[in-house]
Amino acid sequence: MMSPEFMQMSKSFFARKEYEAALRQMHLTSVDAVFSSRAGTDLNKSNLASYRNRTRLELIRRPNDAATTAFLKRYNKPPVLVQLKSWLCHRGRKSLGGCDFQTAADLQEADINTPKTIAFGERWGLVFERRSFSITEKIPDAESLEQKLPDCFKGIGSENLKARRRFIAQLAAFIKNFHETGYRHRDLYFAHIFRDSRGNFYLIDLTRAFKPFFAERFRIKDIAQLFYSAPGRHFSGTDRLCFYLAYTGRSRLTVSDKRFIRKVLAKANRIASHDRKHGRSVPFAG
């Protein structure tokens, strides 16, 4: 059931009520209008699939208000195999934009912070999706952990150490709560975890997130991606152990923990080998 915060602006096009005027001002009032629009700043990368498009928008909700930065994701004629795989992962026939919306809604209901969805829409053919989109609000006053770690990582001393331990415990609790929803991210690098000025964590880039049947395999992958992206110049082996103990809620490692950690290290080293092969740096080895 659609949240009462959303309204239907046109066929298969839903938006938050407080953004109706801003979307109308930019002529984003239908699925077709969204795909024909050239408004905003193109954020496409060379490795982005041809059926995907990303754009930054500046939306003004009320006269004299500062613009709100938003991100538009468009999926145009996604390949049939991509759609079938998505249906399998999400256990139902859903558009790619619809999956973005539903995953964010599920996580927010479980008190996992994600970017606020402003609008989403979809257009279907006889069986398969023709196109879909989602628009999300930029997280206010926040940066990714890849871009900025707390100041306690810059210095030494007992107070900085205590602050680092608190940060690590809070991050571990956030990831634990996320995994307890049954979801796995599949792209859980520091670049996709944001932290605001109040210390709240957020997950972004939920396109690949899903609830797998074989959850343990993807839990290993998530934790390996976290381990891999935590920069070695800031995170010691002790820091990583503190994270894992806080994540599991234990005071010491069990035999099963050690087995799990070996699998995480093996996966992280495979990621590192792949990145080195393509000339990319390896964060945890810094």
Protein backbone atom coordinates (compact mmCIF):
# COMPACT_ATOMS: atom_id res chain seq x y z
CA MET A 1 0.00 0.00 0.00
CA MET A 2 1.29 3.44 -0.93
CA SER A 3 2.32 5.69 1.97
CA PRO A 4 -0.09 8.59 2.65
CA GLU A 5 2.91 10.93 2.22
CA PHE A 6 2.75 10.20 -1.52
CA MET A 7 0.28 11.32 -4.13
CA GLN A 8 -0.36 10.12 -7.67
CA MET A 9 0.53 12.91 -10.08
CA SER A 10 -0.27 10.93 -13.22
CA LYS A 11 -0.53 7.32 -14.35
CA SER A 12 2.08 5.21 -12.51
CA PHE A 13 3.83 8.37 -11.29
CA PHE A 14 3.95 8.93 -7.52
CA ALA A 15 5.56 11.77 -5.57
CA ARG A 16 5.79 13.18 -2.07
CA LYS A 17 3.14 15.83 -1.60
CA GLU A 18 5.60 18.50 -0.49
CA TYR A 19 7.49 18.14 -3.78
CA GLU A 20 4.49 18.41 -6.12
CA ALA A 21 5.04 22.10 -6.93
CA ALA A 22 8.79 21.64 -7.45
CA LEU A 23 8.25 18.75 -9.85
CA ARG A 24 5.56 20.64 -11.77
CA GLN A 25 7.88 23.66 -12.03
CA MET A 26 10.43 21.40 -13.77
CA HIS A 27 7.70 19.76 -15.89
CA LEU A 28 8.37 16.38 -14.29
CA THR A 29 4.75 15.29 -14.06
CA SER A 30 4.67 11.97 -15.92
CA VAL A 31 6.90 9.01 -16.65
CA ASP A 32 7.32 10.11 -20.27
CA ALA A 33 8.16 13.67 -19.18
CA VAL A 34 10.87 12.37 -16.85
CA PHE A 35 12.50 10.45 -19.69
CA SER A 36 12.28 13.29 -22.20
CA SER A 37 13.62 15.87 -19.72
CA ARG A 38 17.11 17.27 -20.20
CA ALA A 39 17.06 19.19 -16.92
CA GLY A 40 19.82 18.74 -14.39
CA THR A 41 23.48 17.70 -14.46
CA ASP A 42 24.52 14.42 -16.05
CA LEU A 43 26.29 12.10 -13.57
CA ASN A 44 26.88 9.16 -15.88
CA LYS A 45 30.13 7.22 -15.70
CA SER A 46 31.88 5.33 -18.46
CA ASN A 47 31.15 1.98 -16.76
CA LEU A 48 27.43 2.63 -16.28
CA ALA A 49 25.16 0.26 -18.22
CA SER A 50 23.61 1.85 -21.33
CA TYR A 51 20.05 1.39 -20.03
CA ARG A 52 20.83 3.39 -16.85
CA ASN A 53 21.10 7.15 -16.46
CA ARG A 54 21.88 9.31 -13.42
CA THR A 55 21.20 13.04 -13.11
CA ARG A 56 21.49 15.64 -10.35
CA LEU A 57 18.50 17.98 -10.02
CA GLU A 58 17.93 21.18 -8.03
CA LEU A 59 14.33 21.35 -6.79
CA ILE A 60 12.69 24.42 -5.23
CA ARG A 61 9.72 23.42 -3.10
CA ARG A 62 8.50 26.92 -2.21
CA PRO A 63 9.29 30.43 -3.46
CA ASN A 64 12.35 31.92 -1.75
CA ASP A 65 13.45 28.49 -0.47
CA ALA A 66 16.96 27.28 -1.15
CA ALA A 67 17.11 24.52 -3.76
CA THR A 68 17.11 20.92 -2.59
CA THR A 69 19.59 18.69 -4.39
CA ALA A 70 18.08 15.45 -5.66
CA PHE A 71 19.27 12.50 -7.72
CA LEU A 72 17.29 11.01 -10.59
CA LYS A 73 17.91 7.40 -11.63
CA ARG A 74 16.37 6.33 -14.94
CA TYR A 75 16.11 2.81 -16.34
CA ASN A 76 15.23 2.77 -20.03
CA LYS A 77 14.41 -0.58 -21.70
CA PRO A 78 16.47 -2.73 -19.32
CA PRO A 79 17.47 -6.07 -20.90
CA VAL A 80 15.11 -8.97 -20.32
CA LEU A 81 17.79 -10.99 -18.49
CA VAL A 82 18.44 -8.06 -16.15
CA GLN A 83 14.73 -7.87 -15.38
CA LEU A 84 14.37 -11.62 -14.83
CA LYS A 85 17.33 -11.61 -12.46
CA SER A 86 15.82 -8.67 -10.57
CA TRP A 87 12.46 -10.46 -10.29
CA LEU A 88 14.23 -13.50 -8.87
CA CYS A 89 16.22 -11.43 -6.39
CA HIS A 90 13.17 -9.45 -5.26
CA ARG A 91 10.81 -12.44 -5.39
CA GLY A 92 8.30 -10.83 -7.67
CA ARG A 93 7.66 -8.92 -10.88
CA LYS A 94 8.80 -5.39 -10.09
CA SER A 95 10.35 -2.59 -12.12
CA LEU A 96 13.91 -1.55 -11.32
CA GLY A 97 12.70 1.86 -10.15
CA GLY A 98 10.01 0.15 -8.08
CA CYS A 99 12.67 -2.02 -6.42
CA ASP A 100 14.65 1.11 -5.51
CA PHE A 101 11.53 2.59 -3.93
CA GLN A 102 10.44 -0.57 -2.09
CA THR A 103 13.88 -1.37 -0.66
CA ALA A 104 14.25 2.15 0.73
CA ALA A 105 10.74 2.01 2.20
CA ASP A 106 11.39 -1.37 3.86
CA LEU A 107 14.64 -0.20 5.40
CA GLN A 108 13.19 3.08 6.64
CA GLU A 109 10.36 1.15 8.29
CA ALA A 110 13.05 -0.86 10.09
CA ASP A 111 14.76 2.38 11.24
CA ILE A 112 17.66 2.07 8.78
CA ASN A 113 18.39 5.51 7.37
CA THR A 114 18.35 5.82 3.58
CA PRO A 115 17.94 8.82 1.26
CA LYS A 116 14.34 10.08 1.20
CA THR A 117 12.45 9.07 -1.93
CA ILE A 118 10.87 12.08 -3.63
CA ALA A 119 9.18 10.33 -6.56
CA PHE A 120 9.15 7.16 -8.61
CA GLY A 121 7.29 5.82 -11.60
CA GLU A 122 7.18 2.99 -14.11
CA ARG A 123 5.88 2.05 -17.52
CA TRP A 124 5.20 -1.58 -18.48
CA GLY A 125 4.87 -3.40 -21.79
CA LEU A 126 2.81 -6.56 -22.09
CA VAL A 127 5.14 -8.48 -19.77
CA PHE A 128 8.37 -6.60 -19.24
CA GLU A 129 9.27 -3.17 -17.97
CA ARG A 130 9.77 -0.50 -20.60
CA ARG A 131 11.12 2.17 -18.30
CA SER A 132 11.13 3.26 -14.67
CA PHE A 133 12.77 5.85 -12.44
CA SER A 134 13.28 7.04 -8.89
CA ILE A 135 14.20 10.46 -7.49
CA THR A 136 15.84 10.70 -4.08
CA GLU A 137 16.80 13.62 -1.89
CA LYS A 138 20.46 14.29 -1.13
CA ILE A 139 21.17 13.45 2.51
CA PRO A 140 21.44 16.81 4.32
CA ASP A 141 24.78 17.72 5.88
CA ALA A 142 26.39 14.32 5.30
CA GLU A 143 29.41 12.81 3.57
CA SER A 144 30.45 9.27 2.76
CA LEU A 145 32.94 7.48 5.02
CA GLU A 146 35.19 7.24 1.97
CA GLN A 147 35.27 11.04 1.75
CA LYS A 148 35.44 11.89 5.44
CA LEU A 149 36.06 10.01 8.66
CA PRO A 150 35.58 11.61 12.11
CA ASP A 151 38.39 13.87 13.31
CA CYS A 152 39.41 11.25 15.90
CA PHE A 153 41.10 9.33 13.08
CA LYS A 154 43.52 12.21 12.47
CA GLY A 155 45.39 12.13 15.76
CA ILE A 156 46.69 9.92 18.53
CA GLY A 157 46.05 9.83 22.27
CA SER A 158 43.62 8.18 24.64
CA GLU A 159 40.71 10.51 23.87
CA ASN A 160 41.03 9.95 20.14
CA LEU A 161 41.26 6.20 20.74
CA LYS A 162 38.07 6.24 22.83
CA ALA A 163 36.30 8.27 20.14
CA ARG A 164 37.44 5.84 17.43
CA ARG A 165 36.18 2.89 19.44
CA ARG A 166 32.80 4.61 19.89
CA PHE A 167 32.59 5.30 16.16
CA ILE A 168 33.48 1.69 15.30
CA ALA A 169 30.89 0.35 17.75
CA GLN A 170 28.21 2.64 16.30
CA LEU A 171 29.08 1.63 12.75
CA ALA A 172 28.99 -2.05 13.73
CA ALA A 173 25.56 -1.62 15.34
CA PHE A 174 24.26 0.09 12.21
CA ILE A 175 25.47 -2.72 9.93
CA LYS A 176 24.16 -5.35 12.35
CA ASN A 177 20.72 -3.72 12.39
CA PHE A 178 20.75 -3.55 8.60
CA HIS A 179 21.58 -7.25 8.25
CA GLU A 180 18.91 -8.16 10.80
CA THR A 181 16.29 -6.87 8.34
CA GLY A 182 17.27 -9.78 6.07
CA TYR A 183 18.64 -7.44 3.41
CA ARG A 184 22.12 -7.67 1.97
CA HIS A 185 23.60 -4.67 0.18
CA ARG A 186 26.07 -6.34 -2.24
CA ASP A 187 27.95 -3.04 -2.67
CA LEU A 188 28.71 -2.22 0.97
CA TYR A 189 31.81 -0.08 0.56
CA PHE A 190 32.62 3.04 2.58
CA ALA A 191 31.55 5.09 -0.46
CA HIS A 192 27.96 3.95 0.12
CA ILE A 193 27.78 4.61 3.87
CA PHE A 194 27.13 8.24 4.78
CA ARG A 195 27.37 9.96 8.16
CA ASP A 196 25.82 13.30 9.01
CA SER A 197 27.03 15.98 11.44
CA ARG A 198 24.94 14.43 14.24
CA GLY A 199 26.62 11.04 13.82
CA ASN A 200 23.73 9.30 12.08
CA PHE A 201 24.59 6.67 9.45
CA TYR A 202 22.81 6.24 6.11
CA LEU A 203 22.95 3.61 3.38
CA ILE A 204 22.85 4.74 -0.23
CA ASP A 205 22.95 3.07 -3.66
CA LEU A 206 20.37 0.39 -2.89
CA THR A 207 19.98 -0.80 -6.49
CA ARG A 208 21.55 -4.19 -5.77
CA ALA A 209 20.20 -4.63 -2.21
CA PHE A 210 17.88 -7.60 -1.74
CA LYS A 211 16.81 -10.37 0.64
CA PRO A 212 18.66 -13.48 -0.56
CA PHE A 213 17.68 -17.10 0.06
CA PHE A 214 21.35 -17.87 0.85
CA ALA A 215 21.89 -14.94 3.18
CA GLU A 216 25.21 -16.07 4.69
CA ARG A 217 27.03 -15.95 1.35
CA PHE A 218 26.03 -12.32 0.88
CA ARG A 219 26.72 -11.42 4.52
CA ILE A 220 30.31 -12.53 3.90
CA LYS A 221 30.40 -10.38 0.77
CA ASP A 222 29.05 -7.31 2.62
CA ILE A 223 31.52 -7.59 5.49
CA ALA A 224 34.39 -8.25 3.07
CA GLN A 225 33.53 -5.07 1.16
CA LEU A 226 33.52 -3.12 4.43
CA PHE A 227 36.87 -4.63 5.44
CA TYR A 228 38.30 -3.91 2.01
CA SER A 229 37.22 -0.25 1.89
CA ALA A 230 38.29 0.65 5.45
CA PRO A 231 41.62 2.44 4.78
CA GLY A 232 44.63 0.66 6.23
CA ARG A 233 46.29 3.94 7.26
CA HIS A 234 43.40 4.56 9.69
CA PHE A 235 42.02 1.15 10.67
CA SER A 236 44.35 -1.22 12.50
CA GLY A 237 43.85 -4.95 12.93
CA THR A 238 42.62 -4.23 16.47
CA ASP A 239 40.07 -1.74 15.10
CA ARG A 240 38.77 -4.38 12.69
CA LEU A 241 38.52 -6.97 15.45
CA CYS A 242 36.63 -4.44 17.63
CA PHE A 243 34.21 -3.89 14.75
CA TYR A 244 33.57 -7.60 14.33
CA LEU A 245 33.06 -8.24 18.06
CA ALA A 246 30.63 -5.30 18.29
CA TYR A 247 28.86 -6.54 15.13
CA THR A 248 28.38 -10.02 16.61
CA GLY A 249 27.77 -8.81 20.16
CA ARG A 250 30.45 -11.12 21.55
CA SER A 251 33.47 -10.47 23.74
CA ARG A 252 35.68 -13.11 22.14
CA LEU A 253 35.88 -15.05 18.91
CA THR A 254 34.31 -18.46 18.57
CA VAL A 255 35.37 -21.22 16.18
CA SER A 256 32.56 -20.24 13.78
CA ASP A 257 33.67 -16.58 13.97
CA LYS A 258 37.20 -17.54 12.95
CA ARG A 259 35.82 -19.56 10.05
CA PHE A 260 33.67 -16.60 8.97
CA ILE A 261 36.63 -14.19 9.20
CA ARG A 262 38.78 -16.45 7.03
CA LYS A 263 36.06 -16.36 4.36
CA VAL A 264 35.85 -12.56 4.65
CA LEU A 265 39.63 -12.21 4.26
CA ALA A 266 39.63 -14.54 1.25
CA LYS A 267 36.87 -12.50 -0.40
CA ALA A 268 38.62 -9.19 0.37
CA ASN A 269 41.85 -10.51 -1.14
CA ARG A 270 40.00 -11.57 -4.30
CA ILE A 271 38.59 -8.05 -4.62
CA ALA A 272 42.10 -6.66 -4.09
CA SER A 273 43.58 -8.95 -6.73
CA HIS A 274 40.94 -7.83 -9.23
CA ASP A 275 41.54 -4.12 -8.49
CA ARG A 276 45.32 -4.44 -8.68
CA LYS A 277 44.95 -6.18 -12.04
CA HIS A 278 43.06 -3.11 -13.30
CA GLY A 279 45.52 -0.63 -11.82
CA ARG A 280 43.35 0.48 -8.90
CA SER A 281 44.57 1.08 -5.35
CA VAL A 282 43.59 -1.24 -2.50
CA PRO A 283 42.30 0.77 0.51
CA PHE A 284 42.80 -1.76 3.31
CA ALA A 285 46.42 -2.30 2.27
CA GLY A 286 47.23 1.41 2.57
